[in-house]
Amino acid sequence: MPIEYASVRAMHKPWGVSDLQPWSDIDGTGDAVGELWFERADGENAPVPALLLKLLFTSGPLSIQVHPDDTFARAMGMPNGKSEAWYIIAAEPDAQIGIGLKHRVTPQELRASIANGSIVDLVQWRPVAKGDVIFIPAGTIHALGAGIVLAEIQQRSDTTFRLFDYDRARELHIDNGVAVANAWPLRPPADPIRLTDERTVLVASRHFVLERVELQGAASWALLAEPETWILVLDGHAAIGVAAVSIGQAVFVGGGRSSIEVGINGLSALIAYPAARPIASLLQRLCEPSAQPVQPAAPDDPKLTGPAKART
């Protein structure tokens, strides 16, 4: 039952930011950072995970893009397609995202809108705010605007077909993009489901489940994890097994039972795992908060192996 601090890979993007605080100490001043990828600590030797967990930071709009589904990806020789979900951590007052189209168009009309730039007006733009959840099935045309920090969980694939890129002189993938795109409005999303006072299911898809958990301070819990379970701390701190985690840190749990000792300020976190439905027994309360709580071990405790340093 491995419990690992996730290593962090910084991805430099033209639409990224220079300051990633409080989520990371990485300095993007010289080369803006757009994404942080959380990966297995021993990524070269560990089995390849089914999911990829990221943080995204935007100072400008991303490309308008689309991802293939499993069938199209496998026809191209790739292991799987890419469905994803976003959890908005922070957003400026005028921040917006593009999801789906305003109305159905033919492939020929979609191609023409790409050629003349009117695809920007064809995309359905909507404002976003902290706590919003957006599920993006493969084939959905989508884009991110500026001023957003979000967590993303996705099928592990980096296949992106750019349809429009605001004259950034990067490669477009119009033929493949038009071929895989669902050129119509996205269906309204399902509402989050409150399982317990502590657990809210944000997304339950055929490829993964994404939950938000809110654990009261100084409480003890048992985590009955799936063989691939990712935990990202949004606020507070805790000891998960012997891994002490706080805001912006992530751990990989390789299944089995482990303890969660919550710090005095509580714990807010995202939990994601490959499954088609929520796991009912994922969290079990061991004890109520105590009057004199015991702090989890500090991250610099010499008994612990700290998180891997970020790789750029």
Protein backbone atom coordinates (compact mmCIF):
# COMPACT_ATOMS: atom_id res chain seq x y z
CA MET A 1 0.00 0.00 0.00
CA PRO A 2 2.35 2.78 -1.14
CA ILE A 3 1.64 6.33 -0.03
CA GLU A 4 3.82 8.73 -1.98
CA TYR A 5 4.27 12.44 -2.15
CA ALA A 6 3.58 13.25 -5.78
CA SER A 7 6.48 14.75 -7.65
CA VAL A 8 5.74 18.00 -9.47
CA ARG A 9 6.56 18.82 -13.07
CA ALA A 10 6.31 22.48 -14.10
CA MET A 11 5.07 23.09 -17.64
CA HIS A 12 5.93 26.47 -19.16
CA LYS A 13 3.19 28.03 -21.27
CA PRO A 14 2.76 31.39 -23.02
CA TRP A 15 -0.49 31.92 -21.11
CA GLY A 16 1.02 30.99 -17.71
CA VAL A 17 1.91 33.08 -14.65
CA SER A 18 5.04 34.10 -12.78
CA ASP A 19 3.70 33.77 -9.20
CA LEU A 20 2.21 30.41 -8.17
CA GLN A 21 1.79 31.18 -4.46
CA PRO A 22 0.36 29.71 -2.28
CA TRP A 23 0.23 26.58 -4.41
CA SER A 24 3.90 26.31 -5.24
CA ASP A 25 7.26 27.97 -4.59
CA ILE A 26 8.26 27.55 -8.22
CA ASP A 27 9.35 30.86 -9.75
CA GLY A 28 7.86 31.56 -13.16
CA THR A 29 9.39 35.02 -13.52
CA GLY A 30 11.79 34.05 -16.29
CA ASP A 31 9.47 31.61 -18.05
CA ALA A 32 5.77 31.63 -17.19
CA VAL A 33 4.36 28.44 -15.67
CA GLY A 34 0.95 27.35 -16.91
CA GLU A 35 0.62 23.86 -15.47
CA LEU A 36 1.88 21.76 -12.59
CA TRP A 37 1.67 18.02 -13.24
CA PHE A 38 1.52 15.68 -10.25
CA GLU A 39 3.17 12.35 -10.94
CA ARG A 40 4.29 9.17 -9.19
CA ALA A 41 7.43 9.77 -7.14
CA ASP A 42 9.30 7.06 -9.07
CA GLY A 43 7.72 7.81 -12.41
CA GLU A 44 10.36 5.98 -14.43
CA ASN A 45 9.78 2.61 -12.73
CA ALA A 46 6.23 2.80 -11.35
CA PRO A 47 3.28 1.59 -13.44
CA VAL A 48 1.78 4.35 -15.59
CA PRO A 49 -1.29 5.76 -13.80
CA ALA A 50 -4.67 5.90 -15.55
CA LEU A 51 -5.22 9.50 -14.43
CA LEU A 52 -3.26 12.74 -14.48
CA LEU A 53 -3.76 15.42 -11.83
CA LYS A 54 -2.79 19.02 -12.62
CA LEU A 55 -3.00 22.61 -11.43
CA LEU A 56 -3.48 25.26 -14.12
CA PHE A 57 -2.73 28.99 -13.86
CA THR A 58 -3.85 31.37 -16.62
CA SER A 59 -2.82 34.96 -17.34
CA GLY A 60 -4.21 34.82 -20.88
CA PRO A 61 -6.62 32.69 -22.89
CA LEU A 62 -5.70 29.13 -23.82
CA SER A 63 -6.25 27.85 -27.32
CA ILE A 64 -9.72 26.72 -28.35
CA GLN A 65 -9.21 22.97 -28.46
CA VAL A 66 -10.69 19.51 -28.39
CA HIS A 67 -9.53 16.05 -27.27
CA PRO A 68 -10.24 12.68 -28.92
CA ASP A 69 -12.29 9.91 -27.34
CA ASP A 70 -10.92 6.42 -26.72
CA THR A 71 -12.00 5.04 -30.10
CA PHE A 72 -10.40 7.79 -32.16
CA ALA A 73 -7.24 7.82 -30.03
CA ARG A 74 -6.73 4.07 -30.33
CA ALA A 75 -7.23 4.26 -34.09
CA MET A 76 -4.29 6.69 -34.07
CA GLY A 77 -2.16 4.28 -32.01
CA MET A 78 -2.64 5.97 -28.64
CA PRO A 79 -3.74 4.04 -25.53
CA ASN A 80 -6.79 6.19 -24.73
CA GLY A 81 -8.55 9.48 -25.31
CA LYS A 82 -9.00 12.35 -22.90
CA SER A 83 -12.02 13.31 -20.85
CA GLU A 84 -11.32 15.77 -18.06
CA ALA A 85 -12.87 17.75 -15.22
CA TRP A 86 -12.04 21.18 -13.81
CA TYR A 87 -12.47 22.42 -10.26
CA ILE A 88 -12.16 26.20 -10.08
CA ILE A 89 -9.91 27.15 -7.15
CA ALA A 90 -9.78 30.89 -7.82
CA ALA A 91 -11.12 33.21 -10.52
CA GLU A 92 -10.93 36.91 -11.17
CA PRO A 93 -14.34 38.67 -11.35
CA ASP A 94 -14.43 38.69 -15.18
CA ALA A 95 -12.94 35.21 -15.68
CA GLN A 96 -14.72 32.93 -18.12
CA ILE A 97 -14.45 29.57 -19.83
CA GLY A 98 -15.70 28.29 -23.16
CA ILE A 99 -17.57 24.97 -23.19
CA GLY A 100 -19.32 23.58 -26.25
CA LEU A 101 -20.91 25.69 -28.97
CA LYS A 102 -23.86 28.05 -28.94
CA HIS A 103 -25.65 25.98 -31.58
CA ARG A 104 -25.06 22.95 -33.76
CA VAL A 105 -22.95 23.41 -36.88
CA THR A 106 -21.86 21.12 -39.68
CA PRO A 107 -18.22 20.04 -40.00
CA GLN A 108 -17.93 22.39 -42.98
CA GLU A 109 -19.29 25.31 -40.95
CA LEU A 110 -16.95 24.49 -38.08
CA ARG A 111 -13.97 24.43 -40.44
CA ALA A 112 -15.01 27.78 -41.93
CA SER A 113 -15.35 29.35 -38.47
CA ILE A 114 -11.81 28.25 -37.66
CA ALA A 115 -10.48 29.73 -40.88
CA ASN A 116 -12.07 33.16 -40.36
CA GLY A 117 -11.73 33.31 -36.55
CA SER A 118 -15.46 33.39 -35.85
CA ILE A 119 -15.11 30.23 -33.77
CA VAL A 120 -14.35 32.58 -30.85
CA ASP A 121 -17.95 33.86 -31.08
CA LEU A 122 -19.35 30.41 -31.81
CA VAL A 123 -18.04 28.96 -28.54
CA GLN A 124 -20.42 29.16 -25.57
CA TRP A 125 -18.62 31.35 -23.01
CA ARG A 126 -19.71 31.47 -19.37
CA PRO A 127 -18.40 33.13 -16.21
CA VAL A 128 -16.79 31.02 -13.52
CA ALA A 129 -16.23 31.43 -9.80
CA LYS A 130 -14.45 29.61 -7.01
CA GLY A 131 -15.95 26.18 -6.40
CA ASP A 132 -17.41 25.69 -9.88
CA VAL A 133 -17.06 22.22 -11.40
CA ILE A 134 -16.94 21.58 -15.15
CA PHE A 135 -16.88 18.13 -16.73
CA ILE A 136 -15.51 18.07 -20.26
CA PRO A 137 -16.20 14.80 -22.09
CA ALA A 138 -13.86 13.92 -24.93
CA GLY A 139 -14.99 15.62 -28.13
CA THR A 140 -16.15 18.81 -26.37
CA ILE A 141 -14.77 22.03 -27.85
CA HIS A 142 -13.48 24.08 -24.92
CA ALA A 143 -11.18 26.90 -23.82
CA LEU A 144 -9.97 28.63 -20.69
CA GLY A 145 -9.86 32.38 -20.25
CA ALA A 146 -7.44 34.48 -18.22
CA GLY A 147 -7.40 34.93 -14.45
CA ILE A 148 -8.15 31.36 -13.37
CA VAL A 149 -6.51 28.83 -11.06
CA LEU A 150 -7.99 25.36 -11.34
CA ALA A 151 -7.37 21.74 -10.53
CA GLU A 152 -7.80 19.29 -13.38
CA ILE A 153 -8.22 15.52 -13.33
CA GLN A 154 -8.11 13.74 -16.65
CA GLN A 155 -7.50 10.50 -18.44
CA ARG A 156 -3.74 10.27 -18.81
CA SER A 157 -3.23 11.67 -22.30
CA ASP A 158 -1.58 14.79 -23.64
CA THR A 159 -3.34 14.66 -27.01
CA THR A 160 -4.78 18.08 -27.76
CA PHE A 161 -6.08 19.25 -31.13
CA ARG A 162 -5.85 23.05 -31.31
CA LEU A 163 -8.52 24.70 -33.41
CA PHE A 164 -7.68 28.38 -32.77
CA ASP A 165 -4.74 29.92 -30.91
CA TYR A 166 -5.01 33.73 -31.03
CA ASP A 167 -2.12 34.14 -33.50
CA ARG A 168 0.44 32.53 -31.22
CA ALA A 169 2.09 30.81 -34.21
CA ARG A 170 1.72 27.36 -32.66
CA GLU A 171 0.64 24.38 -34.73
CA LEU A 172 -3.07 23.87 -35.30
CA HIS A 173 -4.68 20.45 -35.81
CA ILE A 174 -7.75 21.35 -37.81
CA ASP A 175 -8.37 18.07 -39.67
CA ASN A 176 -8.19 15.89 -36.55
CA GLY A 177 -9.94 18.50 -34.44
CA VAL A 178 -12.93 18.75 -36.76
CA ALA A 179 -13.05 14.96 -37.04
CA VAL A 180 -13.34 14.39 -33.27
CA ALA A 181 -15.36 17.49 -32.29
CA ASN A 182 -18.94 17.36 -31.08
CA ALA A 183 -20.02 20.53 -32.89
CA TRP A 184 -23.04 21.34 -30.75
CA PRO A 185 -23.92 22.67 -27.27
CA LEU A 186 -22.81 20.69 -24.25
CA ARG A 187 -25.56 19.06 -22.24
CA PRO A 188 -26.20 20.64 -18.83
CA PRO A 189 -23.95 19.04 -16.22
CA ALA A 190 -25.19 16.87 -13.38
CA ASP A 191 -25.31 18.59 -10.01
CA PRO A 192 -22.74 17.57 -7.36
CA ILE A 193 -24.04 14.85 -5.04
CA ARG A 194 -23.63 15.19 -1.27
CA LEU A 195 -22.85 11.69 0.00
CA THR A 196 -22.16 12.64 3.61
CA ASP A 197 -21.40 15.78 5.59
CA GLU A 198 -17.77 15.31 4.56
CA ARG A 199 -17.97 13.97 0.98
CA THR A 200 -19.35 15.61 -2.15
CA VAL A 201 -19.14 13.85 -5.51
CA LEU A 202 -18.32 16.51 -8.07
CA VAL A 203 -18.03 14.27 -11.14
CA ALA A 204 -18.78 10.59 -11.68
CA SER A 205 -17.93 9.55 -15.23
CA ARG A 206 -17.08 6.27 -16.91
CA HIS A 207 -13.36 7.07 -16.51
CA PHE A 208 -13.02 8.63 -13.06
CA VAL A 209 -14.71 9.94 -9.95
CA LEU A 210 -13.78 13.33 -8.51
CA GLU A 211 -14.79 14.18 -4.93
CA ARG A 212 -14.31 17.11 -2.60
CA VAL A 213 -13.88 16.25 1.07
CA GLU A 214 -14.17 18.61 4.03
CA LEU A 215 -12.84 17.07 7.26
CA GLN A 216 -13.22 18.75 10.62
CA GLY A 217 -10.09 19.70 12.51
CA ALA A 218 -8.32 17.24 14.84
CA ALA A 219 -10.37 14.24 13.71
CA SER A 220 -9.14 10.79 12.72
CA TRP A 221 -10.28 8.92 9.64
CA ALA A 222 -9.52 5.71 7.79
CA LEU A 223 -9.04 5.93 4.02
CA LEU A 224 -9.98 2.75 2.14
CA ALA A 225 -8.37 3.68 -1.14
CA GLU A 226 -8.66 2.31 -4.62
CA PRO A 227 -5.38 1.02 -6.16
CA GLU A 228 -4.95 4.44 -7.77
CA THR A 229 -6.12 7.33 -5.61
CA TRP A 230 -4.94 10.94 -5.89
CA ILE A 231 -5.41 13.49 -3.11
CA LEU A 232 -4.78 17.22 -3.61
CA VAL A 233 -4.92 19.52 -0.58
CA LEU A 234 -6.90 22.71 -1.15
CA ASP A 235 -6.70 24.03 2.41
CA GLY A 236 -5.61 22.93 5.87
CA HIS A 237 -3.25 20.07 6.56
CA ALA A 238 -3.19 16.43 7.59
CA ALA A 239 -1.03 13.35 7.92
CA ILE A 240 -2.06 10.67 5.43
CA GLY A 241 -0.23 7.60 6.63
CA VAL A 242 3.22 9.09 7.34
CA ALA A 243 2.91 11.76 4.64
CA ALA A 244 2.29 15.23 6.09
CA VAL A 245 0.51 17.37 3.48
CA SER A 246 -0.68 20.94 3.24
CA ILE A 247 -2.04 23.35 0.64
CA GLY A 248 -0.90 22.63 -2.91
CA GLN A 249 0.61 19.23 -2.13
CA ALA A 250 -0.65 15.95 -3.54
CA VAL A 251 -0.22 12.31 -2.60
CA PHE A 252 -0.69 9.07 -4.48
CA VAL A 253 -2.20 6.18 -2.54
CA GLY A 254 -1.78 2.74 -4.05
CA GLY A 255 -4.84 1.19 -2.45
CA GLY A 256 -5.60 -0.41 0.89
CA ARG A 257 -6.27 1.13 4.28
CA SER A 258 -4.41 4.12 5.68
CA SER A 259 -5.04 6.70 8.36
CA ILE A 260 -5.83 10.40 7.98
CA GLU A 261 -5.00 12.53 11.01
CA VAL A 262 -6.49 15.95 10.38
CA GLY A 263 -4.75 19.10 11.63
CA ILE A 264 -6.45 21.57 13.94
CA ASN A 265 -7.60 23.78 11.07
CA GLY A 266 -9.32 20.95 9.22
CA LEU A 267 -8.71 19.63 5.73
CA SER A 268 -10.26 20.51 2.38
CA ALA A 269 -9.11 18.28 -0.45
CA LEU A 270 -9.94 16.79 -3.81
CA ILE A 271 -9.85 13.01 -4.18
CA ALA A 272 -9.86 11.32 -7.59
CA TYR A 273 -9.76 7.66 -8.60
CA PRO A 274 -10.55 5.58 -11.71
CA ALA A 275 -14.07 4.23 -11.23
CA ALA A 276 -17.51 4.55 -12.76
CA ARG A 277 -19.23 5.33 -9.45
CA PRO A 278 -18.28 6.60 -6.00
CA ILE A 279 -16.79 4.12 -3.53
CA ALA A 280 -19.17 4.05 -0.57
CA SER A 281 -16.54 2.91 1.96
CA LEU A 282 -13.83 5.40 0.91
CA LEU A 283 -13.78 7.26 4.25
CA GLN A 284 -14.59 5.95 7.71
CA ARG A 285 -14.53 8.08 10.85
CA LEU A 286 -12.30 6.69 13.60
CA CYS A 287 -12.83 9.32 16.28
CA GLU A 288 -14.43 12.68 16.88
CA PRO A 289 -12.33 15.85 17.20
CA SER A 290 -10.61 16.00 20.59
CA ALA A 291 -10.46 18.94 22.95
CA GLN A 292 -6.65 18.83 22.84
CA PRO A 293 -5.83 17.83 19.26
CA VAL A 294 -2.58 16.20 18.30
CA GLN A 295 -0.83 17.89 15.40
CA PRO A 296 0.18 15.77 12.40
CA ALA A 297 3.92 15.41 11.92
CA ALA A 298 5.50 18.44 10.29
CA PRO A 299 6.64 18.07 6.68
CA ASP A 300 10.28 18.49 7.73
CA ASP A 301 10.14 15.73 10.35
CA PRO A 302 13.33 13.68 9.81
CA LYS A 303 11.27 10.47 10.05
CA LEU A 304 9.48 11.38 6.81
CA THR A 305 10.63 11.41 3.24
CA GLY A 306 9.56 14.77 1.87
CA PRO A 307 7.95 15.44 -1.50
CA ALA A 308 10.16 15.32 -4.53
CA LYS A 309 11.45 18.66 -5.69
CA ALA A 310 9.72 20.21 -8.64
CA ARG A 311 11.18 19.39 -12.02
CA THR A 312 11.17 22.03 -14.71
